[in-house]
């Protein structure tokens, strides 16, 4: 295999930052240069991503992070995933004639989580002041940043809708009635003012000031603006009807981001750490558990046998995701069985030389009703009116549907953070007047029927697709992740397998052709099921594509260099740091020295 990579792998000992936008990566590095640690840098990077990729994340979105603290010597998960409001009952939605939670609008909103999560991390693990980490985002929102073509296109596509239905969004995203042209200097003065005011929160200590900002968000001027708007708001959403919010003041006032232990699995000498089943994180571990008994290292990493085997394993793991995952605080999740060798030995036997067109959740004793419920649900044709299905030629979620961002940071002391912030997209909800950002639409992950781990229920976390990763082997530590909805753990799995089994570097693995399955039920409205369908980049070669089709896969060939948005960073035992970022979509960059 050629040593050529599209970009050099970044190496150094001082620090590395990699994210889905070059400005955000540069901001994170500037924080490290000023003496901040990986936690400080991650927060500044993330807040900047809200400004420069507003179609992919926002302040009122959600955020899981997985991190290693050099001080504690522990890997932990930070859960900044807001929960369903107290008034968000199945009956409230079905009484309005809905069979699915809309993919946009006020009914789709859960408690905003991202800001509180970043502030919790800053308070407990950072070293810098609130002002220090907020200032770069304030500056880019106030003074402007060159708007990405994808952001400009998203706004242009929604311009008429905003003008007619969401006038508060029109004011922010189409100032003067004009959508920004690609690369125009774009400003969001209201967001700058919001973060500037939060940065002025007062407290006797650094920690007290950060907690004061959290209180301002939760119960102060931010909450005031949100609920002043929501009391009269009745807005159009993707269901083609107008609805009002169920989010209440008490929902925001009572919620806090939290820490928890990761879920971990050993694979070929690596211990891989993920979030629990309130995200899709365990699906990567389940796929590894299935593939543990397969000689992946004997395969061509771009060959049809590798692609077929990995796709079939992913179908099995994702079927279990749909049947069994949900908030462990509200449902019993049989994770010990799902990651057991006995269970996965049986799952492994289901992979044949032909592509399966069936949904095949495993049968866990005592939980069979959940597998049956998934089979029944996936066979349903949801009546979603005139909402267009995702085009099979798209390698990512459509721009109107929203996607995600990712960042990985390691500092010279060995602290490391991987985070996949999302939600609060410019296309998810109307902008809150005066704040410069919209609410999220994460409630679309719930089902409007009782008895499932993913049923809509007050206080329950939605089972999201957000899934950062941290892996360790003999003192080497690795953080990685990607945007991409249901594809996140698919692309991460493929990247990790190539990294572990074939001796490729971080960037070389990233530059290899990617693929994913669309076989299982999608997480986003309108929740399509597309049996046997998969997408692959053309540079695997025509022979591989023909071979996959002969095995029964329904193959869509993507445009070149369009699948995946991976980034990764690694620390070797001696302190050497490495980082990489995908060349796809041309905006992710790794920096370091």
Protein backbone atom coordinates (compact mmCIF):
# COMPACT_ATOMS: atom_id res chain seq x y z
CA UNK A 1 0.00 0.00 0.00
CA UNK A 2 1.30 3.45 -0.87
CA UNK A 3 2.72 5.69 1.87
CA UNK A 4 1.04 8.69 0.23
CA UNK A 5 -1.42 10.64 2.39
CA UNK A 6 -3.53 13.64 1.42
CA UNK A 7 -2.04 15.53 4.35
CA UNK A 8 0.84 14.93 6.71
CA UNK A 9 0.08 13.31 10.05
CA UNK A 10 0.64 16.06 12.63
CA UNK A 11 3.33 15.21 15.21
CA UNK A 12 4.75 17.03 18.22
CA UNK A 13 5.04 17.01 21.99
CA UNK A 14 3.39 20.29 23.03
CA UNK A 15 -0.22 19.72 21.98
CA UNK A 16 -2.56 18.72 19.17
CA UNK A 17 -6.08 19.85 18.26
CA UNK A 18 -8.17 18.37 15.47
CA UNK A 19 -11.74 19.30 14.61
CA UNK A 20 -14.22 19.62 11.78
CA UNK A 21 -13.30 23.27 11.06
CA UNK A 22 -9.87 24.83 10.67
CA UNK A 23 -10.80 27.99 12.58
CA UNK A 24 -11.96 26.00 15.59
CA UNK A 25 -8.81 23.85 15.53
CA UNK A 26 -6.69 27.00 15.41
CA UNK A 27 -8.63 28.48 18.34
CA UNK A 28 -8.03 25.36 20.40
CA UNK A 29 -4.32 25.48 19.65
CA UNK A 30 -4.20 29.14 20.65
CA UNK A 31 -5.62 28.20 24.05
CA UNK A 32 -2.89 25.58 24.51
CA UNK A 33 -0.29 28.20 23.51
CA UNK A 34 -1.64 30.50 26.24
CA UNK A 35 -1.04 27.81 28.86
CA UNK A 36 -4.48 26.24 28.90
CA UNK A 37 -4.96 22.49 29.10
CA UNK A 38 -6.88 20.11 26.82
CA UNK A 39 -10.12 20.84 28.65
CA UNK A 40 -9.80 24.61 28.21
CA UNK A 41 -8.89 24.11 24.55
CA UNK A 42 -11.80 21.72 23.92
CA UNK A 43 -14.31 24.20 25.30
CA UNK A 44 -12.97 27.11 23.24
CA UNK A 45 -12.88 24.87 20.15
CA UNK A 46 -16.45 23.70 20.71
CA UNK A 47 -17.89 27.15 21.30
CA UNK A 48 -16.19 28.35 18.11
CA UNK A 49 -17.66 25.40 16.19
CA UNK A 50 -21.11 26.69 17.22
CA UNK A 51 -20.31 29.94 15.40
CA UNK A 52 -18.61 28.61 12.26
CA UNK A 53 -20.73 25.45 11.75
CA UNK A 54 -24.20 26.58 12.93
CA UNK A 55 -25.90 24.11 10.60
CA UNK A 56 -24.22 21.29 12.54
CA UNK A 57 -24.36 22.39 16.19
CA UNK A 58 -25.39 25.20 18.50
CA UNK A 59 -25.43 26.40 22.12
CA UNK A 60 -28.82 24.77 22.82
CA UNK A 61 -27.75 21.41 21.40
CA UNK A 62 -26.28 18.38 23.14
CA UNK A 63 -22.82 17.03 23.81
CA UNK A 64 -21.23 13.79 24.95
CA UNK A 65 -17.51 13.89 25.73
CA UNK A 66 -15.16 11.11 26.71
CA UNK A 67 -11.95 12.22 28.37
CA UNK A 68 -8.81 11.19 30.24
CA UNK A 69 -7.56 13.32 33.10
CA UNK A 70 -3.83 13.16 33.84
CA UNK A 71 -4.63 14.32 37.37
CA UNK A 72 -7.10 11.54 38.21
CA UNK A 73 -5.70 8.88 35.87
CA UNK A 74 -9.28 8.00 34.90
CA UNK A 75 -11.30 7.82 31.70
CA UNK A 76 -14.77 9.35 32.19
CA UNK A 77 -17.82 10.31 30.15
CA UNK A 78 -19.43 13.73 30.42
CA UNK A 79 -23.12 13.54 29.54
CA UNK A 80 -24.54 16.87 28.40
CA UNK A 81 -27.55 15.23 26.77
CA UNK A 82 -30.72 17.05 27.82
CA UNK A 83 -33.79 15.05 28.74
CA UNK A 84 -37.40 15.09 27.59
CA UNK A 85 -39.51 17.82 29.24
CA UNK A 86 -41.97 16.90 32.01
CA UNK A 87 -44.91 17.56 29.67
CA UNK A 88 -43.48 15.44 26.83
CA UNK A 89 -45.82 12.47 27.03
CA UNK A 90 -46.67 10.10 24.18
CA UNK A 91 -50.33 11.14 24.49
CA UNK A 92 -49.55 14.84 24.08
CA UNK A 93 -48.07 14.06 20.64
CA UNK A 94 -50.47 11.37 19.44
CA UNK A 95 -53.46 13.52 20.43
CA UNK A 96 -52.22 15.95 17.76
CA UNK A 97 -52.41 13.22 15.13
CA UNK A 98 -48.68 12.53 15.05
CA UNK A 99 -47.14 9.09 14.54
CA UNK A 100 -43.57 10.40 14.78
CA UNK A 101 -41.97 13.26 16.66
CA UNK A 102 -41.33 15.91 13.98
CA UNK A 103 -37.72 16.34 12.88
CA UNK A 104 -37.83 20.09 13.50
CA UNK A 105 -39.80 22.62 15.47
CA UNK A 106 -40.83 23.15 19.06
CA UNK A 107 -42.29 19.68 19.75
CA UNK A 108 -38.87 18.23 18.94
CA UNK A 109 -37.06 20.16 21.68
CA UNK A 110 -35.48 18.56 24.75
CA UNK A 111 -33.67 20.41 27.52
CA UNK A 112 -30.65 22.24 26.00
CA UNK A 113 -27.53 20.49 27.28
CA UNK A 114 -24.35 21.60 25.52
CA UNK A 115 -23.59 24.86 27.34
CA UNK A 116 -23.96 23.40 30.83
CA UNK A 117 -21.79 20.44 29.85
CA UNK A 118 -18.93 22.62 28.67
CA UNK A 119 -19.19 24.76 31.78
CA UNK A 120 -19.09 21.68 34.03
CA UNK A 121 -15.93 20.52 32.26
CA UNK A 122 -14.38 23.99 32.56
CA UNK A 123 -15.16 24.24 36.27
CA UNK A 124 -13.88 20.81 37.24
CA UNK A 125 -11.03 20.15 34.79
CA UNK A 126 -10.08 23.43 33.11
CA UNK A 127 -7.67 26.09 34.36
CA UNK A 128 -8.66 29.24 32.47
CA UNK A 129 -11.31 31.85 33.15
CA UNK A 130 -14.76 31.82 31.64
CA UNK A 131 -13.87 34.92 29.63
CA UNK A 132 -10.69 33.30 28.24
CA UNK A 133 -12.51 30.34 26.70
CA UNK A 134 -15.59 32.27 25.53
CA UNK A 135 -13.75 35.18 23.90
CA UNK A 136 -12.76 33.50 20.60
CA UNK A 137 -16.39 32.51 19.91
CA UNK A 138 -17.53 36.01 20.89
CA UNK A 139 -15.02 37.57 18.52
CA UNK A 140 -15.96 35.37 15.55
CA UNK A 141 -19.68 35.92 16.13
CA UNK A 142 -19.28 39.70 16.54
CA UNK A 143 -16.57 40.45 13.94
CA UNK A 144 -17.47 37.73 11.44
CA UNK A 145 -16.04 34.56 9.93
CA UNK A 146 -15.91 33.38 6.30
CA UNK A 147 -19.13 31.41 5.97
CA UNK A 148 -18.72 27.90 4.63
CA UNK A 149 -20.39 27.16 1.29
CA UNK A 150 -22.42 24.41 3.01
CA UNK A 151 -23.72 26.89 5.58
CA UNK A 152 -24.54 29.42 2.87
CA UNK A 153 -26.33 26.73 0.84
CA UNK A 154 -28.31 25.55 3.87
CA UNK A 155 -29.46 29.11 4.60
CA UNK A 156 -30.25 29.80 0.94
CA UNK A 157 -32.37 26.63 0.79
CA UNK A 158 -34.37 27.75 3.80
CA UNK A 159 -34.54 31.47 3.05
CA UNK A 160 -38.17 31.50 1.86
CA UNK A 161 -39.28 29.21 4.68
CA UNK A 162 -37.57 31.42 7.28
CA UNK A 163 -39.15 34.56 5.83
CA UNK A 164 -42.62 33.01 5.88
CA UNK A 165 -42.61 30.79 8.97
CA UNK A 166 -39.59 31.54 11.20
CA UNK A 167 -39.03 35.34 10.97
CA UNK A 168 -36.70 35.35 13.99
CA UNK A 169 -34.41 32.98 12.06
CA UNK A 170 -34.66 35.17 8.97
CA UNK A 171 -33.34 38.13 10.99
CA UNK A 172 -30.21 36.25 12.05
CA UNK A 173 -29.43 34.03 9.05
CA UNK A 174 -30.61 36.34 6.21
CA UNK A 175 -29.71 39.83 7.45
CA UNK A 176 -31.27 42.49 5.25
CA UNK A 177 -33.29 39.76 3.55
CA UNK A 178 -30.25 38.23 1.88
CA UNK A 179 -28.73 34.79 2.40
CA UNK A 180 -24.94 35.05 2.69
CA UNK A 181 -22.88 34.07 -0.35
CA UNK A 182 -20.24 31.37 0.16
CA UNK A 183 -17.17 32.77 1.93
CA UNK A 184 -18.88 36.06 2.84
CA UNK A 185 -17.93 37.48 6.22
CA UNK A 186 -20.89 36.44 8.35
CA UNK A 187 -21.75 37.88 11.78
CA UNK A 188 -24.14 36.87 14.54
CA UNK A 189 -24.12 39.88 16.89
CA UNK A 190 -26.92 38.52 19.09
CA UNK A 191 -24.96 35.33 19.84
CA UNK A 192 -21.85 37.41 20.52
CA UNK A 193 -23.83 39.53 22.99
CA UNK A 194 -25.26 36.43 24.68
CA UNK A 195 -21.85 34.87 25.27
CA UNK A 196 -20.35 38.24 26.22
CA UNK A 197 -23.01 38.67 28.90
CA UNK A 198 -22.45 35.13 30.19
CA UNK A 199 -18.70 35.81 30.35
CA UNK A 200 -19.46 38.73 32.67
CA UNK A 201 -21.06 36.47 35.29
CA UNK A 202 -19.70 37.29 38.74
CA UNK A 203 -18.31 35.06 41.47
CA UNK A 204 -15.68 35.17 44.22
CA UNK A 205 -13.66 32.37 42.60
CA UNK A 206 -13.14 31.02 39.08
CA UNK A 207 -15.42 28.09 39.90
CA UNK A 208 -18.10 30.33 41.41
CA UNK A 209 -18.08 32.53 38.33
CA UNK A 210 -18.57 29.51 36.06
CA UNK A 211 -21.45 28.27 38.22
CA UNK A 212 -22.95 31.77 38.06
CA UNK A 213 -22.89 31.58 34.25
CA UNK A 214 -24.56 28.17 34.40
CA UNK A 215 -27.28 29.68 36.59
CA UNK A 216 -27.72 32.61 34.15
CA UNK A 217 -28.22 30.08 31.37
CA UNK A 218 -30.56 27.86 33.34
CA UNK A 219 -32.67 30.40 35.23
CA UNK A 220 -31.43 33.89 34.29
CA UNK A 221 -31.53 36.03 31.16
CA UNK A 222 -31.08 33.10 28.73
CA UNK A 223 -34.01 31.18 30.23
CA UNK A 224 -36.05 34.41 30.36
CA UNK A 225 -35.57 34.97 26.63
CA UNK A 226 -36.39 31.36 25.78
CA UNK A 227 -39.60 31.21 27.77
CA UNK A 228 -40.74 34.71 26.85
CA UNK A 229 -40.64 33.47 23.27
CA UNK A 230 -42.13 30.02 23.88
CA UNK A 231 -45.21 31.24 25.78
CA UNK A 232 -46.78 32.48 22.52
CA UNK A 233 -44.80 30.59 19.87
CA UNK A 234 -46.79 28.31 17.56
CA UNK A 235 -44.59 27.42 14.61
CA UNK A 236 -44.45 25.31 11.48
CA UNK A 237 -42.30 22.19 11.51
CA UNK A 238 -41.44 19.34 9.16
CA UNK A 239 -44.78 17.64 9.86
CA UNK A 240 -46.29 20.54 7.83
CA UNK A 241 -48.33 21.72 10.80
CA UNK A 242 -47.80 24.33 13.51
CA UNK A 243 -47.06 23.26 17.06
CA UNK A 244 -46.14 24.78 20.41
CA UNK A 245 -43.36 23.73 22.76
CA UNK A 246 -43.63 21.40 25.75
CA UNK A 247 -40.38 22.68 27.28
CA UNK A 248 -41.02 24.55 30.56
CA UNK A 249 -38.94 26.76 32.85
CA UNK A 250 -38.68 24.03 35.46
CA UNK A 251 -37.26 21.59 32.89
CA UNK A 252 -34.28 23.87 32.28
CA UNK A 253 -33.93 25.01 35.88
CA UNK A 254 -33.77 21.47 37.26
CA UNK A 255 -31.37 19.85 34.77
CA UNK A 256 -27.57 19.50 35.11
CA UNK A 257 -24.89 17.82 33.01
CA UNK A 258 -23.34 14.77 34.69
CA UNK A 259 -20.32 12.46 34.73
CA UNK A 260 -20.41 8.68 34.44
CA UNK A 261 -18.05 5.78 33.89
CA UNK A 262 -17.53 4.65 30.28
CA UNK A 263 -18.58 1.35 28.79
CA UNK A 264 -15.42 -0.57 27.82
CA UNK A 265 -14.48 -3.58 25.68
CA UNK A 266 -11.16 -5.29 24.95
CA UNK A 267 -10.25 -5.92 21.31
CA UNK A 268 -6.87 -7.24 20.11
CA UNK A 269 -4.95 -5.65 22.98
CA UNK A 270 -6.89 -2.36 22.87
CA UNK A 271 -9.44 -1.29 25.49
CA UNK A 272 -12.08 0.77 23.74
CA UNK A 273 -14.17 3.18 25.86
CA UNK A 274 -17.57 4.45 24.77
CA UNK A 275 -20.68 6.15 26.12
CA UNK A 276 -23.51 3.99 27.44
CA UNK A 277 -26.71 3.05 25.61
CA UNK A 278 -28.26 6.54 25.83
CA UNK A 279 -26.14 7.04 22.71
CA UNK A 280 -25.33 4.56 19.98
CA UNK A 281 -21.81 4.23 21.44
CA UNK A 282 -22.08 0.53 22.44
CA UNK A 283 -22.84 -0.43 18.83
CA UNK A 284 -19.13 0.00 18.02
CA UNK A 285 -18.27 -2.36 20.87
CA UNK A 286 -20.88 -4.87 19.72
CA UNK A 287 -19.45 -4.84 16.20
CA UNK A 288 -15.96 -5.39 17.61
CA UNK A 289 -17.31 -8.26 19.74
CA UNK A 290 -18.74 -9.92 16.62
CA UNK A 291 -15.55 -9.36 14.59
CA UNK A 292 -13.23 -10.49 17.41
CA UNK A 293 -13.55 -14.05 16.19
CA UNK A 294 -12.93 -13.16 12.50
CA UNK A 295 -9.43 -12.97 10.98
CA UNK A 296 -9.74 -9.36 9.83
CA UNK A 297 -5.96 -9.00 9.58
CA UNK A 298 -5.84 -11.64 6.82
CA UNK A 299 -8.15 -9.59 4.57
CA UNK A 300 -7.39 -6.83 2.09
CA UNK A 301 -8.46 -3.67 4.00
CA UNK A 302 -10.09 -2.37 0.81
CA UNK A 303 -11.25 -5.71 -0.53
CA UNK A 304 -14.76 -7.01 -1.00
CA UNK A 305 -14.38 -9.63 1.77
CA UNK A 306 -13.45 -6.94 4.33
CA UNK A 307 -16.26 -4.59 3.23
CA UNK A 308 -18.85 -7.37 3.18
CA UNK A 309 -17.86 -8.81 6.57
CA UNK A 310 -17.82 -5.43 8.30
CA UNK A 311 -21.15 -4.38 6.74
CA UNK A 312 -22.80 -7.62 7.88
CA UNK A 313 -21.44 -7.22 11.42
CA UNK A 314 -22.71 -3.66 11.52
CA UNK A 315 -26.19 -4.74 10.43
CA UNK A 316 -26.34 -7.15 13.37
CA UNK A 317 -25.02 -4.64 15.89
CA UNK A 318 -27.33 -1.87 14.70
CA UNK A 319 -30.36 -4.18 14.84
CA UNK A 320 -29.58 -4.64 18.54
CA UNK A 321 -29.18 -0.89 18.92
CA UNK A 322 -32.71 -0.39 17.63
CA UNK A 323 -34.16 -3.16 19.79
CA UNK A 324 -32.40 -2.71 23.10
CA UNK A 325 -30.72 0.69 23.55
CA UNK A 326 -32.11 3.56 25.57
CA UNK A 327 -31.48 5.56 28.73
CA UNK A 328 -30.11 3.11 31.37
CA UNK A 329 -31.55 5.38 34.08
CA UNK A 330 -35.04 4.55 32.80
CA UNK A 331 -34.77 1.08 31.23
CA UNK A 332 -32.99 -2.19 31.89
CA UNK A 333 -30.44 -2.56 29.07
CA UNK A 334 -29.00 -6.11 28.73
CA UNK A 335 -25.52 -4.83 27.88
CA UNK A 336 -23.73 -7.65 29.71
CA UNK A 337 -25.38 -10.13 27.34
CA UNK A 338 -24.94 -7.99 24.24
CA UNK A 339 -21.16 -7.77 24.80
CA UNK A 340 -20.68 -11.38 25.97
CA UNK A 341 -18.60 -13.87 24.01
CA UNK A 342 -21.33 -16.51 23.99
CA UNK A 343 -23.88 -14.12 22.52
CA UNK A 344 -21.49 -12.79 19.90
CA UNK A 345 -20.27 -16.23 18.90
CA UNK A 346 -23.85 -16.94 17.86
CA UNK A 347 -24.16 -13.58 16.11
CA UNK A 348 -20.93 -14.21 14.22
CA UNK A 349 -22.38 -17.43 12.75
CA UNK A 350 -25.10 -15.37 11.03
CA UNK A 351 -22.56 -13.77 8.68
CA UNK A 352 -22.47 -15.72 5.43
CA UNK A 353 -21.02 -14.96 1.99
CA UNK A 354 -24.32 -13.35 0.97
CA UNK A 355 -25.74 -10.00 2.09
CA UNK A 356 -28.66 -10.33 4.50
CA UNK A 357 -31.78 -8.35 3.64
CA UNK A 358 -33.43 -9.09 7.01
CA UNK A 359 -33.51 -7.14 10.25
CA UNK A 360 -31.94 -9.55 12.75
CA UNK A 361 -31.86 -8.34 16.34
CA UNK A 362 -30.52 -10.94 18.73
CA UNK A 363 -32.87 -12.65 21.16
CA UNK A 364 -31.87 -11.88 24.73
CA UNK A 365 -33.69 -13.97 27.37
CA UNK A 366 -36.33 -11.86 29.07
CA UNK A 367 -36.09 -9.16 26.39
CA UNK A 368 -37.54 -10.99 23.39
CA UNK A 369 -40.49 -8.59 23.24
CA UNK A 370 -38.10 -5.74 22.37
CA UNK A 371 -36.66 -7.67 19.43
CA UNK A 372 -40.18 -8.47 18.24
CA UNK A 373 -41.20 -4.84 18.63
CA UNK A 374 -38.27 -3.74 16.46
CA UNK A 375 -39.18 -6.21 13.71
CA UNK A 376 -42.78 -4.95 13.75
CA UNK A 377 -41.67 -1.30 13.82
CA UNK A 378 -39.13 -1.65 11.02
CA UNK A 379 -41.76 -3.23 8.77
CA UNK A 380 -44.08 -0.25 9.16
CA UNK A 381 -44.42 2.42 6.51
CA UNK A 382 -44.71 5.62 8.50
CA UNK A 383 -47.09 8.15 7.03
CA UNK A 384 -44.97 11.28 6.98
CA UNK A 385 -46.95 13.28 4.45
CA UNK A 386 -44.97 15.11 1.83
CA UNK A 387 -41.62 14.92 3.60
CA UNK A 388 -39.04 13.77 1.09
CA UNK A 389 -36.93 10.77 2.01
CA UNK A 390 -33.18 11.17 2.19
CA UNK A 391 -31.75 10.77 -1.29
CA UNK A 392 -29.62 7.63 -1.60
CA UNK A 393 -26.92 9.64 -3.36
CA UNK A 394 -26.26 11.69 -0.21
CA UNK A 395 -23.31 10.41 1.80
CA UNK A 396 -24.29 12.50 4.80
CA UNK A 397 -27.51 13.61 6.35
CA UNK A 398 -29.13 16.16 4.12
CA UNK A 399 -28.15 19.73 4.85
CA UNK A 400 -31.72 20.52 5.85
CA UNK A 401 -31.67 17.69 8.38
CA UNK A 402 -28.54 18.73 10.20
CA UNK A 403 -25.45 16.82 11.16
CA UNK A 404 -22.76 17.16 13.80
CA UNK A 405 -19.22 18.31 14.61
CA UNK A 406 -16.32 16.56 16.33
CA UNK A 407 -13.14 17.54 18.13
CA UNK A 408 -10.13 15.75 19.65
CA UNK A 409 -7.55 17.50 21.85
CA UNK A 410 -4.43 16.27 23.70
CA UNK A 411 -2.14 18.51 25.74
CA UNK A 412 1.49 18.16 26.86
CA UNK A 413 0.42 16.80 30.26
CA UNK A 414 -1.50 13.93 28.69
CA UNK A 415 -5.05 15.19 29.24
CA UNK A 416 -7.27 14.26 26.30
CA UNK A 417 -10.81 14.94 25.17
CA UNK A 418 -12.99 13.54 22.39
CA UNK A 419 -16.38 15.17 21.92
CA UNK A 420 -19.18 15.05 19.36
CA UNK A 421 -21.40 18.11 19.90
CA UNK A 422 -24.59 18.40 17.87
CA UNK A 423 -28.12 19.75 17.81
CA UNK A 424 -29.44 23.27 18.01
CA UNK A 425 -28.99 23.55 14.25
CA UNK A 426 -30.02 26.68 12.39
CA UNK A 427 -32.54 24.47 10.57
CA UNK A 428 -33.89 22.75 13.70
CA UNK A 429 -35.95 25.55 15.24
CA UNK A 430 -36.62 29.29 15.10
CA UNK A 431 -33.95 31.51 16.63
CA UNK A 432 -34.81 32.73 20.13
CA UNK A 433 -35.15 36.54 19.80
CA UNK A 434 -32.15 38.35 21.21
CA UNK A 435 -30.05 35.23 21.84
CA UNK A 436 -28.90 34.45 18.30
CA UNK A 437 -29.45 30.69 18.46
CA UNK A 438 -32.32 28.18 18.08
CA UNK A 439 -33.41 25.30 20.29
CA UNK A 440 -32.65 21.67 19.42
CA UNK A 441 -34.73 18.95 17.74
CA UNK A 442 -33.32 15.89 19.53
CA UNK A 443 -36.74 14.53 20.61
CA UNK A 444 -37.11 13.09 17.09
CA UNK A 445 -35.08 10.12 18.44
CA UNK A 446 -38.01 8.94 20.61
CA UNK A 447 -40.84 6.64 19.57
CA UNK A 448 -44.47 7.59 20.19
CA UNK A 449 -45.45 4.24 21.67
CA UNK A 450 -45.08 2.87 25.18
CA UNK A 451 -42.92 0.06 26.49
CA UNK A 452 -39.67 0.66 24.57
CA UNK A 453 -36.32 1.86 25.93
CA UNK A 454 -36.63 4.64 23.34
CA UNK A 455 -40.28 5.55 24.10
CA UNK A 456 -40.89 9.23 24.71
CA UNK A 457 -41.07 9.75 28.48
CA UNK A 458 -40.51 12.76 30.74
CA UNK A 459 -36.95 12.99 32.10
CA UNK A 460 -35.60 10.33 29.74
CA UNK A 461 -32.50 10.90 27.64
CA UNK A 462 -33.07 10.33 23.90
CA UNK A 463 -30.97 7.54 22.39
CA UNK A 464 -28.74 9.71 20.26
CA UNK A 465 -26.23 8.93 17.54
CA UNK A 466 -23.48 11.01 19.21
CA UNK A 467 -20.55 8.78 20.01
CA UNK A 468 -16.95 9.92 20.66
CA UNK A 469 -14.28 7.25 21.31
CA UNK A 470 -11.20 6.74 23.48
CA UNK A 471 -8.97 3.65 23.20
CA UNK A 472 -5.86 2.52 25.10
CA UNK A 473 -3.13 -0.07 24.58
CA UNK A 474 0.07 -0.45 26.67
CA UNK A 475 0.29 3.25 27.50
CA UNK A 476 -0.76 4.48 24.05
CA UNK A 477 -4.00 6.46 24.17
CA UNK A 478 -6.19 7.42 21.23
CA UNK A 479 -9.19 9.75 20.87
CA UNK A 480 -11.29 9.79 17.70
CA UNK A 481 -14.72 10.36 16.24
CA UNK A 482 -16.80 11.80 13.43
CA UNK A 483 -20.09 13.52 12.64
CA UNK A 484 -22.56 11.57 10.52
CA UNK A 485 -25.64 10.45 12.45
CA UNK A 486 -26.13 6.70 12.05
CA UNK A 487 -22.85 6.48 10.16
CA UNK A 488 -20.71 7.68 13.09
CA UNK A 489 -19.89 4.30 14.59
CA UNK A 490 -19.71 2.70 11.15
CA UNK A 491 -16.97 5.03 9.93
CA UNK A 492 -15.18 4.86 13.28
CA UNK A 493 -15.29 1.07 13.21
CA UNK A 494 -13.79 0.87 9.72
CA UNK A 495 -11.07 3.39 10.62
CA UNK A 496 -10.23 1.60 13.88
CA UNK A 497 -10.07 -1.86 12.27
CA UNK A 498 -7.65 -0.60 9.63
CA UNK A 499 -5.56 1.15 12.29
CA UNK A 500 -5.38 -1.91 14.55
CA UNK A 501 -4.90 -4.66 11.97
CA UNK A 502 -2.94 -3.15 9.09
CA UNK A 503 -0.30 -0.92 10.64
CA UNK A 504 -1.47 2.25 8.92
CA UNK A 505 -1.02 5.67 10.52
CA UNK A 506 -3.88 7.89 11.64
CA UNK A 507 -3.96 9.90 8.42
CA UNK A 508 -3.37 6.91 6.13
CA UNK A 509 -6.37 5.15 7.68
CA UNK A 510 -8.43 8.28 7.20
CA UNK A 511 -7.52 8.53 3.53
CA UNK A 512 -8.71 5.00 2.71
CA UNK A 513 -12.09 4.53 0.96
CA UNK A 514 -15.06 4.51 3.33
CA UNK A 515 -18.45 2.86 3.23
CA UNK A 516 -21.56 2.40 5.38
CA UNK A 517 -24.87 0.56 5.59
CA UNK A 518 -28.36 2.10 5.44
CA UNK A 519 -29.99 -1.28 6.12
CA UNK A 520 -31.36 -0.70 9.62
CA UNK A 521 -33.95 1.79 10.87
CA UNK A 522 -32.66 5.36 10.76
CA UNK A 523 -32.52 7.49 13.90
CA UNK A 524 -33.80 10.67 12.28
CA UNK A 525 -37.26 11.63 11.04
CA UNK A 526 -38.78 10.02 8.96
CA UNK A 527 -37.02 6.87 10.31
CA UNK A 528 -36.50 5.00 7.04
CA UNK A 529 -35.50 1.34 6.71
CA UNK A 530 -33.55 0.47 3.54
CA UNK A 531 -32.80 -3.28 3.54
CA UNK A 532 -29.49 -4.29 2.01
CA UNK A 533 -28.57 -0.76 0.95
CA UNK A 534 -25.02 0.45 1.37
CA UNK A 535 -22.86 3.30 0.12
CA UNK A 536 -19.18 3.16 -0.80
CA UNK A 537 -16.61 5.52 -2.25
CA UNK A 538 -15.59 4.70 -5.84
CA UNK A 539 -11.85 4.40 -5.20
CA UNK A 540 -12.24 0.86 -3.87
CA UNK A 541 -12.40 -0.04 -7.54
CA UNK A 542 -15.01 -1.41 -9.91
CA UNK A 543 -14.12 -5.04 -9.18
CA UNK A 544 -14.87 -4.65 -5.47
CA UNK A 545 -18.17 -2.91 -6.20
CA UNK A 546 -19.16 -5.64 -8.65
CA UNK A 547 -18.22 -8.32 -6.11
CA UNK A 548 -20.37 -6.65 -3.43
CA UNK A 549 -23.34 -6.47 -5.80
CA UNK A 550 -22.89 -10.14 -6.64
CA UNK A 551 -23.17 -10.90 -2.92
CA UNK A 552 -26.57 -9.17 -2.84
CA UNK A 553 -25.66 -5.74 -1.51
CA UNK A 554 -27.63 -2.84 -3.00
CA UNK A 555 -24.66 -0.58 -3.63
CA UNK A 556 -24.83 3.18 -4.15
CA UNK A 557 -21.48 4.55 -5.28
CA UNK A 558 -20.84 7.90 -3.62
CA UNK A 559 -19.16 10.86 -5.22
CA UNK A 560 -15.39 10.64 -4.72
CA UNK A 561 -14.11 11.79 -1.32
CA UNK A 562 -17.53 12.43 0.23
CA UNK A 563 -17.97 9.73 2.91
CA UNK A 564 -16.88 10.37 6.49
CA UNK A 565 -15.60 13.33 8.53
CA UNK A 566 -13.19 11.55 10.87
CA UNK A 567 -10.61 13.16 13.12
CA UNK A 568 -8.21 11.48 15.57
CA UNK A 569 -5.39 12.23 17.99
CA UNK A 570 -2.97 9.90 19.75
CA UNK A 571 -0.44 10.03 22.59
CA UNK A 572 2.45 7.58 22.65
CA UNK A 573 3.89 6.41 26.01
CA UNK A 574 6.97 8.60 25.57
CA UNK A 575 4.88 11.74 25.09
CA UNK A 576 4.87 12.00 21.28
CA UNK A 577 1.54 13.38 20.10
CA UNK A 578 -0.03 12.67 16.70
CA UNK A 579 -3.18 13.94 15.01
CA UNK A 580 -5.06 13.69 11.72
CA UNK A 581 -8.19 15.01 10.02
CA UNK A 582 -10.18 13.86 7.02
CA UNK A 583 -9.60 15.70 3.73
CA UNK A 584 -13.27 15.16 2.87
CA UNK A 585 -15.49 18.26 2.74
CA UNK A 586 -12.27 20.29 2.94
CA UNK A 587 -12.80 22.00 6.28
CA UNK A 588 -11.55 19.61 8.98
CA UNK A 589 -7.96 20.25 10.05
CA UNK A 590 -5.48 18.96 12.59
CA UNK A 591 -2.93 21.34 14.09
CA UNK A 592 -0.16 20.84 16.62
CA UNK A 593 3.49 21.15 17.41
